[in-house]
Amino acid sequence: MAIEIFQIDWFAPVRFDKALTQTVAQQGGIYIMYVGKILQYVGKSQDFYKRFGTHRNSASHLMTDAQIKKCFIGFGLISYYDKTRMSQNISSEQLKDVESYLINELKPKGNDTSTKKGYKGQPIVIFNAGKRVSLDKAMSNCPDLIKIMKSNLATRAKPKPSSSWF
């Protein structure tokens, strides 16, 4: 059984109307949309700039003007553990898996039912780093993996008892 391990480096949330001016918008990964403090949407894109052009053009159909003014975007760049090192060469399938897992875990209101079918992929672990947007630091579809990792980290953090030869 293969376990996919990802890290998402989140950038500080920005207002919807300022999203395309961010340097990170020239990249791809995962993004989340909040209206106020309520998660509305989780999406993926190989190119944030192109994807947000679409969102910006259809925003008036999806949200009221008042909601658009309260809308914030969090961009997340993804790395994954590839054998012996971290890599940023994410395949479209891996990007889809991360998006699907987050949608099913976070249950945002704006994602339609076709994207909420339930994540059925390999065991997955996601570490949220950077300017996290109300997400747990570690997430997994296998709760036992998180327990094992936390217990290992706690064991390592405890000081070792000193031993005396006398």
Protein backbone atom coordinates (compact mmCIF):
# COMPACT_ATOMS: atom_id res chain seq x y z
CA MET A 1 0.00 0.00 0.00
CA ALA A 2 1.53 3.30 -1.10
CA ILE A 3 1.03 6.40 0.99
CA GLU A 4 1.14 9.75 -0.77
CA ILE A 5 2.63 12.52 1.38
CA PHE A 6 2.08 16.14 0.38
CA GLN A 7 2.94 19.51 1.83
CA ILE A 8 0.89 22.57 0.98
CA ASP A 9 2.62 25.90 1.52
CA TRP A 10 -0.22 28.37 1.97
CA PHE A 11 0.14 32.05 1.19
CA ALA A 12 -1.69 34.67 3.24
CA PRO A 13 -5.28 35.04 2.04
CA VAL A 14 -5.89 37.99 -0.28
CA ARG A 15 -9.06 39.76 -1.35
CA PHE A 16 -10.77 38.23 -4.37
CA ASP A 17 -10.24 41.35 -6.50
CA LYS A 18 -6.48 41.33 -5.70
CA ALA A 19 -5.88 37.61 -6.31
CA LEU A 20 -4.57 37.96 -9.86
CA THR A 21 -1.99 40.58 -8.86
CA GLN A 22 -0.19 38.12 -6.55
CA THR A 23 3.10 36.65 -7.75
CA VAL A 24 1.90 33.18 -6.73
CA ALA A 25 -0.96 33.54 -9.26
CA GLN A 26 1.56 32.68 -11.98
CA GLN A 27 1.87 29.16 -10.57
CA GLY A 28 -0.53 26.33 -9.89
CA GLY A 29 -1.76 24.22 -7.01
CA ILE A 30 -4.74 24.31 -4.66
CA TYR A 31 -6.79 27.34 -3.71
CA ILE A 32 -9.57 27.99 -1.24
CA MET A 33 -12.18 30.71 -1.30
CA TYR A 34 -13.69 32.17 1.85
CA VAL A 35 -16.60 34.60 2.17
CA GLY A 36 -16.03 36.14 5.56
CA LYS A 37 -14.86 33.19 7.65
CA ILE A 38 -16.96 30.59 5.83
CA LEU A 39 -15.20 28.25 3.41
CA GLN A 40 -17.04 28.42 0.09
CA TYR A 41 -14.89 26.56 -2.42
CA VAL A 42 -11.80 24.38 -2.86
CA GLY A 43 -10.26 24.21 -6.31
CA LYS A 44 -7.17 23.16 -8.21
CA SER A 45 -5.36 24.62 -11.14
CA GLN A 46 -2.18 24.14 -13.10
CA ASP A 47 -2.27 27.93 -13.67
CA PHE A 48 -4.01 30.09 -11.05
CA TYR A 49 -4.05 33.11 -13.35
CA LYS A 50 -6.13 31.42 -16.06
CA ARG A 51 -8.44 29.77 -13.52
CA PHE A 52 -9.09 33.01 -11.67
CA GLY A 53 -9.87 34.81 -14.89
CA THR A 54 -12.78 32.37 -15.18
CA HIS A 55 -13.83 32.85 -11.54
CA ARG A 56 -13.63 36.63 -11.83
CA ASN A 57 -15.84 36.63 -14.93
CA SER A 58 -18.44 34.37 -13.31
CA ALA A 59 -18.28 35.83 -9.78
CA SER A 60 -21.39 37.95 -10.23
CA HIS A 61 -23.35 34.78 -11.05
CA LEU A 62 -22.01 32.93 -8.00
CA MET A 63 -21.95 35.69 -5.35
CA THR A 64 -23.62 38.98 -4.54
CA ASP A 65 -21.55 42.18 -4.65
CA ALA A 66 -21.51 42.18 -0.82
CA GLN A 67 -20.14 38.61 -0.80
CA ILE A 68 -17.50 39.46 -3.42
CA LYS A 69 -16.25 42.26 -1.14
CA LYS A 70 -15.88 39.75 1.72
CA CYS A 71 -14.30 37.05 -0.47
CA PHE A 72 -10.70 36.02 0.21
CA ILE A 73 -8.49 33.55 -1.65
CA GLY A 74 -5.80 31.36 -0.14
CA PHE A 75 -3.27 29.95 -2.61
CA GLY A 76 -1.40 26.75 -1.77
CA LEU A 77 1.66 25.43 -3.59
CA ILE A 78 2.08 21.67 -3.33
CA SER A 79 5.18 19.56 -2.86
CA TYR A 80 5.19 15.82 -2.41
CA TYR A 81 7.57 13.26 -1.02
CA ASP A 82 9.08 11.48 -4.02
CA LYS A 83 11.16 8.52 -2.84
CA THR A 84 14.03 10.36 -1.13
CA ARG A 85 13.25 14.04 -1.61
CA MET A 86 10.51 16.63 -1.88
CA SER A 87 9.39 17.49 -5.41
CA GLN A 88 7.16 20.17 -6.85
CA ASN A 89 6.49 18.27 -10.08
CA ILE A 90 2.91 17.38 -9.22
CA SER A 91 1.03 15.30 -11.77
CA SER A 92 -2.52 16.28 -12.72
CA GLU A 93 -3.71 13.07 -11.01
CA GLN A 94 -1.96 13.98 -7.76
CA LEU A 95 -3.40 17.50 -7.91
CA LYS A 96 -6.86 16.02 -8.45
CA ASP A 97 -6.37 13.66 -5.47
CA VAL A 98 -5.34 16.50 -3.14
CA GLU A 99 -8.30 18.62 -4.27
CA SER A 100 -10.72 15.70 -3.93
CA TYR A 101 -9.45 14.85 -0.46
CA LEU A 102 -9.71 18.48 0.74
CA ILE A 103 -13.23 18.87 -0.70
CA ASN A 104 -14.40 15.72 1.04
CA GLU A 105 -12.67 16.58 4.30
CA LEU A 106 -13.65 20.28 4.48
CA LYS A 107 -17.05 20.10 2.72
CA PRO A 108 -17.12 23.63 1.27
CA LYS A 109 -20.57 24.97 0.37
CA GLY A 110 -19.71 26.07 -3.17
CA ASN A 111 -18.39 22.79 -4.55
CA ASP A 112 -21.17 20.92 -6.32
CA THR A 113 -22.21 17.38 -5.49
CA SER A 114 -20.20 15.89 -8.38
CA THR A 115 -16.97 16.86 -6.56
CA LYS A 116 -18.20 15.59 -3.17
CA LYS A 117 -18.38 11.88 -4.05
CA GLY A 118 -15.84 10.85 -1.45
CA TYR A 119 -12.12 10.44 -1.75
CA LYS A 120 -11.34 6.84 -2.68
CA GLY A 121 -7.69 7.15 -3.55
CA GLN A 122 -4.56 5.83 -1.86
CA PRO A 123 -3.83 6.71 1.75
CA ILE A 124 -2.90 10.39 1.79
CA VAL A 125 -1.20 12.65 4.31
CA ILE A 126 -1.22 16.43 3.91
CA PHE A 127 0.92 18.82 5.93
CA ASN A 128 -0.33 22.40 5.86
CA ALA A 129 2.47 24.94 6.17
CA GLY A 130 2.95 28.64 5.61
CA LYS A 131 0.01 30.98 6.26
CA ARG A 132 -2.50 28.25 7.05
CA VAL A 133 -6.10 29.19 6.52
CA SER A 134 -7.95 27.51 9.42
CA LEU A 135 -6.71 24.03 8.50
CA ASP A 136 -5.21 21.36 10.72
CA LYS A 137 -1.45 21.17 10.46
CA ALA A 138 -1.63 17.48 9.50
CA MET A 139 -4.55 15.78 7.74
CA SER A 140 -5.07 12.23 6.49
CA ASN A 141 -7.81 9.90 5.32
CA CYS A 142 -6.18 7.37 7.67
CA PRO A 143 -6.54 8.75 11.22
CA ASP A 144 -4.17 6.06 12.52
CA LEU A 145 -1.35 7.55 10.41
CA ILE A 146 -1.78 10.91 12.13
CA LYS A 147 -1.80 9.23 15.57
CA ILE A 148 1.40 7.34 14.76
CA MET A 149 3.13 10.46 13.47
CA LYS A 150 2.08 12.53 16.48
CA SER A 151 3.22 9.85 18.93
CA ASN A 152 6.58 9.55 17.13
CA LEU A 153 7.04 13.32 17.23
CA ALA A 154 6.12 13.42 20.93
CA THR A 155 8.57 10.60 21.68
CA ARG A 156 11.37 12.40 19.85
CA ALA A 157 10.63 15.68 21.62
CA LYS A 158 10.95 14.19 25.13
CA PRO A 159 14.38 14.63 26.65
CA LYS A 160 16.23 11.40 27.17
CA PRO A 161 16.93 10.54 30.79
CA SER A 162 20.51 11.04 31.73
CA SER A 163 22.33 7.94 32.80
CA SER A 164 25.02 7.79 35.35
CA TRP A 165 27.92 5.34 35.43
CA PHE A 166 28.24 5.63 39.20
